[in-house]
Amino acid sequence: MPPISRFQYAPRVDHRMFVLLDPRSRPTPLDEGLPEHDEILRAGQHGVVFRSGGDLFRPAVTIERWAADPGTADGEWDEVAEASLSAPSGRLRLRSIMGEPAGPDLEVEGSQRLRAHTRGRGEAMERLTVETGYAGVEEWLIQLWPTRA
């Protein structure tokens, strides 16, 4: 079964984080909770805060919408984590923690389950304080599907 949709983004990473939030609920990353240093994400009520390996750059982020749980993606991933979130407005926005949108909003059905896969965080971490403004290096695949009540 293929995904319903697939979108490519390059969000700006500030303070080693980027977010996927319901834009109409207006939560902030602090409202949703910040990931610990050993976590790749932290879910709150209306979104998720992702912890990057690097800072002041743009990772390659793919978001796939699925009708049901697709299972862990094929390929070699350094880390995989899951979370639940709610999007009462029916929309989610990938953006920097400073509010810069990475692209168009995603249309979703209320409560969602999310699985994030990442690789290249180590290489991005090696560039901390050495290089900024680069693209790619760190890759994310974020799968979203509706939860059934």
N, C-alpha and C. Protein backbone atom coordinates (compact mmCIF):
# COMPACT_ATOMS: atom_id res chain seq x y z
N MET A 1 0.85 -1.19 0.00
CA MET A 1 0.00 0.00 0.00
C MET A 1 0.89 1.24 0.00
N PRO A 2 0.74 2.13 -0.95
CA PRO A 2 1.54 3.36 -0.98
C PRO A 2 0.95 4.42 -0.05
N PRO A 3 1.75 5.44 0.31
CA PRO A 3 1.21 6.52 1.14
C PRO A 3 0.16 7.32 0.38
N ILE A 4 -0.73 7.96 1.12
CA ILE A 4 -1.74 8.85 0.54
C ILE A 4 -1.05 10.04 -0.12
N SER A 5 -0.03 10.57 0.55
CA SER A 5 0.72 11.70 0.02
C SER A 5 2.13 11.70 0.60
N ARG A 6 3.02 12.37 -0.11
CA ARG A 6 4.42 12.49 0.32
C ARG A 6 4.88 13.91 0.01
N PHE A 7 5.45 14.57 1.00
CA PHE A 7 5.92 15.95 0.84
C PHE A 7 7.38 16.04 1.25
N GLN A 8 8.15 16.87 0.54
CA GLN A 8 9.55 17.11 0.85
C GLN A 8 9.69 18.51 1.45
N TYR A 9 10.42 18.61 2.55
CA TYR A 9 10.62 19.88 3.23
C TYR A 9 12.10 20.05 3.59
N ALA A 10 12.48 21.28 3.88
CA ALA A 10 13.81 21.60 4.40
C ALA A 10 13.63 22.68 5.46
N PRO A 11 13.12 22.31 6.66
CA PRO A 11 12.89 23.31 7.70
C PRO A 11 14.19 23.87 8.24
N ARG A 12 14.14 25.10 8.68
CA ARG A 12 15.31 25.69 9.33
C ARG A 12 15.40 25.14 10.75
N VAL A 13 16.58 24.70 11.12
CA VAL A 13 16.82 24.20 12.47
C VAL A 13 17.45 25.34 13.27
N ASP A 14 16.80 25.72 14.36
CA ASP A 14 17.31 26.71 15.31
C ASP A 14 17.36 26.06 16.68
N HIS A 15 18.41 26.33 17.42
CA HIS A 15 18.55 25.75 18.76
C HIS A 15 18.44 24.22 18.70
N ARG A 16 18.87 23.66 17.55
CA ARG A 16 18.90 22.21 17.31
C ARG A 16 17.50 21.59 17.28
N MET A 17 16.47 22.38 16.93
CA MET A 17 15.11 21.86 16.91
C MET A 17 14.31 22.40 15.73
N PHE A 18 13.27 21.64 15.35
CA PHE A 18 12.22 22.09 14.44
C PHE A 18 10.94 21.42 14.92
N VAL A 19 9.77 21.88 14.43
CA VAL A 19 8.51 21.43 14.99
C VAL A 19 7.47 21.09 13.92
N LEU A 20 6.50 20.27 14.31
CA LEU A 20 5.31 19.98 13.52
C LEU A 20 4.14 20.24 14.45
N LEU A 21 3.41 21.35 14.22
CA LEU A 21 2.37 21.80 15.15
C LEU A 21 1.08 22.15 14.43
N ASP A 22 -0.03 22.06 15.16
CA ASP A 22 -1.32 22.54 14.66
C ASP A 22 -1.24 24.06 14.64
N PRO A 23 -1.28 24.70 13.46
CA PRO A 23 -1.07 26.16 13.40
C PRO A 23 -2.21 26.98 14.00
N ARG A 24 -3.39 26.42 14.08
CA ARG A 24 -4.51 27.19 14.61
C ARG A 24 -4.63 27.08 16.12
N SER A 25 -4.02 26.08 16.72
CA SER A 25 -4.03 25.96 18.17
C SER A 25 -3.00 26.88 18.80
N ARG A 26 -2.05 27.33 18.00
CA ARG A 26 -0.99 28.24 18.39
C ARG A 26 -0.14 27.75 19.57
N PRO A 27 0.18 26.47 19.62
CA PRO A 27 1.08 26.04 20.69
C PRO A 27 2.50 26.50 20.37
N THR A 28 3.30 26.63 21.40
CA THR A 28 4.71 26.94 21.21
C THR A 28 5.50 25.68 21.52
N PRO A 29 6.75 25.60 21.05
CA PRO A 29 7.56 24.44 21.41
C PRO A 29 7.66 24.24 22.92
N LEU A 30 7.73 25.32 23.67
CA LEU A 30 7.78 25.18 25.14
C LEU A 30 6.49 24.60 25.68
N ASP A 31 5.34 24.99 25.10
CA ASP A 31 4.05 24.43 25.52
C ASP A 31 4.03 22.92 25.30
N GLU A 32 4.59 22.49 24.18
CA GLU A 32 4.54 21.08 23.81
C GLU A 32 5.59 20.26 24.56
N GLY A 33 6.64 20.88 25.03
CA GLY A 33 7.71 20.19 25.75
C GLY A 33 8.91 19.98 24.84
N LEU A 34 10.09 20.15 25.39
CA LEU A 34 11.32 20.01 24.61
C LEU A 34 11.93 18.63 24.80
N PRO A 35 12.46 18.04 23.75
CA PRO A 35 13.09 16.73 23.88
C PRO A 35 14.33 16.80 24.77
N GLU A 36 14.56 15.74 25.52
CA GLU A 36 15.80 15.62 26.27
C GLU A 36 16.93 15.42 25.27
N HIS A 37 18.16 15.56 25.71
CA HIS A 37 19.31 15.46 24.81
C HIS A 37 19.44 14.09 24.16
N ASP A 38 18.90 13.05 24.79
CA ASP A 38 19.00 11.70 24.21
C ASP A 38 17.74 11.29 23.46
N GLU A 39 16.79 12.23 23.28
CA GLU A 39 15.55 11.95 22.55
C GLU A 39 15.57 12.65 21.19
N ILE A 40 14.93 12.04 20.19
CA ILE A 40 14.83 12.71 18.89
C ILE A 40 13.54 13.50 18.75
N LEU A 41 12.58 13.26 19.67
CA LEU A 41 11.34 14.02 19.61
C LEU A 41 10.66 14.05 20.97
N ARG A 42 9.76 15.02 21.11
CA ARG A 42 8.90 15.11 22.28
C ARG A 42 7.53 15.56 21.78
N ALA A 43 6.52 14.76 22.08
CA ALA A 43 5.15 15.07 21.64
C ALA A 43 4.41 15.79 22.74
N GLY A 44 3.62 16.76 22.32
CA GLY A 44 2.73 17.46 23.22
C GLY A 44 1.31 17.23 22.75
N GLN A 45 0.39 18.01 23.25
CA GLN A 45 -1.01 17.81 22.89
C GLN A 45 -1.29 18.11 21.42
N HIS A 46 -0.67 19.16 20.89
CA HIS A 46 -0.99 19.59 19.51
C HIS A 46 0.23 19.66 18.61
N GLY A 47 1.22 18.83 18.88
CA GLY A 47 2.38 18.83 18.00
C GLY A 47 3.56 18.08 18.55
N VAL A 48 4.64 18.13 17.79
CA VAL A 48 5.86 17.42 18.13
C VAL A 48 7.05 18.36 17.91
N VAL A 49 7.98 18.31 18.85
CA VAL A 49 9.24 19.04 18.73
C VAL A 49 10.31 17.99 18.42
N PHE A 50 11.08 18.21 17.35
CA PHE A 50 12.13 17.28 16.93
C PHE A 50 13.50 17.85 17.30
N ARG A 51 14.39 16.98 17.82
CA ARG A 51 15.75 17.41 18.16
C ARG A 51 16.70 16.95 17.06
N SER A 52 17.36 17.91 16.46
CA SER A 52 18.32 17.66 15.40
C SER A 52 19.71 17.44 15.98
N GLY A 53 20.59 16.87 15.17
CA GLY A 53 21.98 16.76 15.57
C GLY A 53 22.75 18.05 15.36
N GLY A 54 22.31 18.84 14.37
CA GLY A 54 23.00 20.08 14.02
C GLY A 54 22.21 21.31 14.40
N ASP A 55 22.72 22.45 13.96
CA ASP A 55 22.06 23.72 14.27
C ASP A 55 22.30 24.69 13.10
N LEU A 56 21.34 25.56 12.87
CA LEU A 56 21.43 26.59 11.85
C LEU A 56 21.70 26.01 10.46
N PHE A 57 20.90 25.03 10.09
CA PHE A 57 20.98 24.40 8.77
C PHE A 57 19.60 23.89 8.40
N ARG A 58 19.49 23.19 7.27
CA ARG A 58 18.20 22.67 6.80
C ARG A 58 18.32 21.18 6.50
N PRO A 59 17.75 20.34 7.36
CA PRO A 59 17.76 18.90 7.08
C PRO A 59 16.75 18.57 5.98
N ALA A 60 16.91 17.42 5.37
CA ALA A 60 15.96 16.92 4.38
C ALA A 60 14.87 16.15 5.13
N VAL A 61 13.64 16.64 5.07
CA VAL A 61 12.53 16.02 5.80
C VAL A 61 11.45 15.59 4.80
N THR A 62 11.10 14.31 4.85
CA THR A 62 9.99 13.79 4.05
C THR A 62 8.86 13.44 5.00
N ILE A 63 7.66 13.92 4.70
CA ILE A 63 6.49 13.57 5.50
C ILE A 63 5.55 12.78 4.61
N GLU A 64 5.17 11.59 5.10
CA GLU A 64 4.22 10.74 4.39
C GLU A 64 2.94 10.62 5.21
N ARG A 65 1.81 10.78 4.54
CA ARG A 65 0.51 10.53 5.16
C ARG A 65 0.03 9.16 4.73
N TRP A 66 -0.42 8.37 5.68
CA TRP A 66 -0.88 7.01 5.43
C TRP A 66 -2.30 6.84 5.95
N ALA A 67 -3.04 5.88 5.41
CA ALA A 67 -4.39 5.57 5.87
C ALA A 67 -4.35 4.74 7.16
N ALA A 68 -3.28 3.97 7.34
CA ALA A 68 -3.10 3.11 8.52
C ALA A 68 -1.61 2.98 8.79
N ASP A 69 -1.25 2.40 9.91
CA ASP A 69 0.15 2.22 10.29
C ASP A 69 0.91 1.49 9.19
N PRO A 70 1.93 2.14 8.59
CA PRO A 70 2.67 1.50 7.51
C PRO A 70 3.80 0.59 7.99
N GLY A 71 4.07 0.61 9.29
CA GLY A 71 5.23 -0.13 9.80
C GLY A 71 6.49 0.68 9.60
N THR A 72 7.56 0.26 10.25
CA THR A 72 8.82 0.97 10.14
C THR A 72 9.32 0.94 8.69
N ALA A 73 9.81 2.07 8.24
CA ALA A 73 10.27 2.19 6.85
C ALA A 73 11.49 1.34 6.59
N ASP A 74 11.59 0.86 5.36
CA ASP A 74 12.78 0.12 4.94
C ASP A 74 13.98 1.06 4.92
N GLY A 75 15.16 0.49 4.94
CA GLY A 75 16.38 1.28 4.87
C GLY A 75 17.09 1.30 6.21
N GLU A 76 18.25 1.88 6.18
CA GLU A 76 19.05 1.98 7.40
C GLU A 76 18.79 3.32 8.07
N TRP A 77 18.23 3.27 9.26
CA TRP A 77 17.91 4.46 10.04
C TRP A 77 18.68 4.38 11.35
N ASP A 78 19.22 5.51 11.80
CA ASP A 78 19.97 5.55 13.05
C ASP A 78 19.05 5.46 14.26
N GLU A 79 17.90 6.13 14.16
CA GLU A 79 16.95 6.14 15.27
C GLU A 79 15.53 6.20 14.72
N VAL A 80 14.61 5.60 15.48
CA VAL A 80 13.19 5.63 15.15
C VAL A 80 12.44 5.87 16.46
N ALA A 81 11.46 6.76 16.44
CA ALA A 81 10.65 7.04 17.63
C ALA A 81 9.22 7.29 17.20
N GLU A 82 8.27 7.01 18.12
CA GLU A 82 6.85 7.20 17.84
C GLU A 82 6.21 8.14 18.85
N ALA A 83 5.11 8.75 18.43
CA ALA A 83 4.37 9.66 19.30
C ALA A 83 2.94 9.78 18.79
N SER A 84 2.09 10.35 19.62
CA SER A 84 0.71 10.67 19.26
C SER A 84 0.53 12.18 19.39
N LEU A 85 -0.33 12.74 18.53
CA LEU A 85 -0.63 14.16 18.60
C LEU A 85 -2.04 14.40 18.09
N SER A 86 -2.54 15.59 18.37
CA SER A 86 -3.88 15.96 17.94
C SER A 86 -3.78 17.22 17.09
N ALA A 87 -4.59 17.28 16.05
CA ALA A 87 -4.66 18.46 15.20
C ALA A 87 -6.13 18.84 15.06
N PRO A 88 -6.70 19.51 16.08
CA PRO A 88 -8.13 19.86 16.04
C PRO A 88 -8.53 20.66 14.81
N SER A 89 -7.61 21.45 14.26
CA SER A 89 -7.94 22.26 13.08
C SER A 89 -7.91 21.43 11.80
N GLY A 90 -7.37 20.21 11.87
CA GLY A 90 -7.24 19.40 10.67
C GLY A 90 -6.01 19.76 9.85
N ARG A 91 -5.10 20.52 10.46
CA ARG A 91 -3.89 20.95 9.75
C ARG A 91 -2.68 20.79 10.67
N LEU A 92 -1.53 20.52 10.05
CA LEU A 92 -0.24 20.52 10.74
C LEU A 92 0.74 21.32 9.91
N ARG A 93 1.62 22.05 10.59
CA ARG A 93 2.62 22.88 9.90
C ARG A 93 4.01 22.50 10.38
N LEU A 94 4.89 22.16 9.43
CA LEU A 94 6.30 21.94 9.74
C LEU A 94 6.97 23.30 9.67
N ARG A 95 7.71 23.65 10.74
CA ARG A 95 8.32 24.97 10.79
C ARG A 95 9.51 24.99 11.74
N SER A 96 10.25 26.08 11.70
CA SER A 96 11.33 26.28 12.66
C SER A 96 10.71 26.61 14.01
N ILE A 97 11.47 26.51 15.08
CA ILE A 97 10.91 26.87 16.38
C ILE A 97 10.68 28.37 16.47
N MET A 98 11.30 29.13 15.56
CA MET A 98 11.11 30.58 15.53
C MET A 98 9.89 30.96 14.69
N GLY A 99 9.21 29.99 14.07
CA GLY A 99 7.97 30.26 13.36
C GLY A 99 8.07 30.27 11.84
N GLU A 100 9.26 30.07 11.26
CA GLU A 100 9.39 30.09 9.80
C GLU A 100 8.83 28.80 9.21
N PRO A 101 7.74 28.89 8.41
CA PRO A 101 7.18 27.67 7.80
C PRO A 101 8.14 27.04 6.81
N ALA A 102 8.11 25.72 6.74
CA ALA A 102 8.98 24.99 5.81
C ALA A 102 8.27 24.72 4.49
N GLY A 103 6.97 24.97 4.44
CA GLY A 103 6.20 24.71 3.23
C GLY A 103 4.73 24.73 3.54
N PRO A 104 3.91 24.21 2.64
CA PRO A 104 2.46 24.22 2.87
C PRO A 104 2.06 23.33 4.03
N ASP A 105 0.94 23.69 4.66
CA ASP A 105 0.40 22.89 5.75
C ASP A 105 -0.07 21.54 5.22
N LEU A 106 -0.07 20.56 6.10
CA LEU A 106 -0.61 19.23 5.79
C LEU A 106 -2.04 19.16 6.29
N GLU A 107 -2.92 18.57 5.50
CA GLU A 107 -4.28 18.33 5.95
C GLU A 107 -4.34 16.94 6.55
N VAL A 108 -4.82 16.85 7.81
CA VAL A 108 -4.87 15.57 8.53
C VAL A 108 -6.23 15.42 9.20
N GLU A 109 -6.49 14.22 9.70
CA GLU A 109 -7.75 13.92 10.38
C GLU A 109 -7.55 13.87 11.88
N GLY A 110 -7.75 14.98 12.58
CA GLY A 110 -7.73 15.00 14.03
C GLY A 110 -6.53 14.35 14.69
N SER A 111 -6.78 13.29 15.48
CA SER A 111 -5.72 12.61 16.22
C SER A 111 -4.87 11.78 15.27
N GLN A 112 -3.56 11.89 15.44
CA GLN A 112 -2.61 11.22 14.56
C GLN A 112 -1.58 10.44 15.36
N ARG A 113 -1.07 9.41 14.75
CA ARG A 113 0.09 8.69 15.25
C ARG A 113 1.23 9.07 14.31
N LEU A 114 2.42 9.19 14.85
CA LEU A 114 3.58 9.63 14.09
C LEU A 114 4.75 8.69 14.38
N ARG A 115 5.49 8.35 13.34
CA ARG A 115 6.74 7.60 13.50
C ARG A 115 7.82 8.38 12.77
N ALA A 116 8.87 8.77 13.50
CA ALA A 116 9.98 9.53 12.92
C ALA A 116 11.20 8.64 12.81
N HIS A 117 11.81 8.64 11.63
CA HIS A 117 13.05 7.92 11.35
C HIS A 117 14.10 8.99 11.04
N THR A 118 15.30 8.78 11.49
CA THR A 118 16.34 9.76 11.19
C THR A 118 17.69 9.09 10.97
N ARG A 119 18.51 9.77 10.15
CA ARG A 119 19.89 9.34 9.95
C ARG A 119 20.71 10.59 9.62
N GLY A 120 22.01 10.50 9.87
CA GLY A 120 22.89 11.63 9.61
C GLY A 120 22.99 12.63 10.73
N ARG A 121 22.36 12.36 11.88
CA ARG A 121 22.43 13.30 12.99
C ARG A 121 23.86 13.43 13.52
N GLY A 122 24.61 12.32 13.50
CA GLY A 122 26.00 12.37 13.97
C GLY A 122 26.85 13.30 13.13
N GLU A 123 26.71 13.21 11.80
CA GLU A 123 27.46 14.09 10.92
C GLU A 123 27.05 15.54 11.12
N ALA A 124 25.74 15.79 11.29
CA ALA A 124 25.27 17.15 11.55
C ALA A 124 25.84 17.66 12.87
N MET A 125 25.93 16.79 13.88
CA MET A 125 26.47 17.18 15.18
C MET A 125 27.95 17.55 15.06
N GLU A 126 28.68 16.86 14.20
CA GLU A 126 30.10 17.17 14.00
C GLU A 126 30.30 18.56 13.42
N ARG A 127 29.27 19.11 12.76
CA ARG A 127 29.39 20.44 12.16
C ARG A 127 29.03 21.56 13.13
N LEU A 128 28.55 21.21 14.32
CA LEU A 128 28.20 22.24 15.31
C LEU A 128 29.41 23.15 15.55
N THR A 129 29.17 24.42 15.58
CA THR A 129 30.16 25.49 15.80
C THR A 129 31.22 25.57 14.70
N VAL A 130 31.15 24.72 13.67
CA VAL A 130 32.12 24.73 12.58
C VAL A 130 31.51 25.29 11.30
N GLU A 131 30.25 24.92 11.04
CA GLU A 131 29.61 25.27 9.77
C GLU A 131 28.12 25.52 10.00
N THR A 132 27.56 26.47 9.26
CA THR A 132 26.12 26.72 9.31
C THR A 132 25.61 26.90 7.89
N GLY A 133 24.30 26.90 7.74
CA GLY A 133 23.67 27.20 6.47
C GLY A 133 23.70 26.09 5.44
N TYR A 134 24.16 24.92 5.79
CA TYR A 134 24.20 23.83 4.83
C TYR A 134 22.83 23.16 4.75
N ALA A 135 22.64 22.33 3.74
CA ALA A 135 21.36 21.62 3.54
C ALA A 135 21.62 20.13 3.52
N GLY A 136 20.58 19.38 3.82
CA GLY A 136 20.69 17.92 3.80
C GLY A 136 21.51 17.41 4.96
N VAL A 137 22.44 16.53 4.71
CA VAL A 137 23.29 15.85 5.70
C VAL A 137 22.43 15.01 6.62
N GLU A 138 21.54 15.65 7.36
CA GLU A 138 20.62 14.93 8.25
C GLU A 138 19.31 14.70 7.50
N GLU A 139 18.80 13.48 7.57
CA GLU A 139 17.56 13.14 6.88
C GLU A 139 16.52 12.64 7.89
N TRP A 140 15.28 12.99 7.63
CA TRP A 140 14.15 12.54 8.44
C TRP A 140 13.07 11.99 7.53
N LEU A 141 12.44 10.91 7.96
CA LEU A 141 11.21 10.42 7.35
C LEU A 141 10.18 10.39 8.46
N ILE A 142 9.10 11.14 8.27
CA ILE A 142 8.03 11.21 9.27
C ILE A 142 6.77 10.62 8.64
N GLN A 143 6.28 9.55 9.25
CA GLN A 143 5.05 8.90 8.80
C GLN A 143 3.91 9.31 9.72
N LEU A 144 2.78 9.69 9.15
CA LEU A 144 1.58 10.07 9.90
C LEU A 144 0.42 9.22 9.47
N TRP A 145 -0.41 8.77 10.44
CA TRP A 145 -1.64 8.07 10.11
C TRP A 145 -2.64 8.36 11.22
N PRO A 146 -3.94 8.34 10.87
CA PRO A 146 -4.97 8.64 11.87
C PRO A 146 -5.09 7.52 12.90
N THR A 147 -5.36 7.92 14.13
CA THR A 147 -5.65 6.93 15.17
C THR A 147 -7.14 6.66 15.14
N ARG A 148 -7.48 5.48 15.45
CA ARG A 148 -8.91 5.10 15.49
C ARG A 148 -9.37 5.05 16.93
N ALA A 149 -10.46 5.71 17.20
CA ALA A 149 -10.98 5.75 18.58
C ALA A 149 -11.70 4.47 18.92
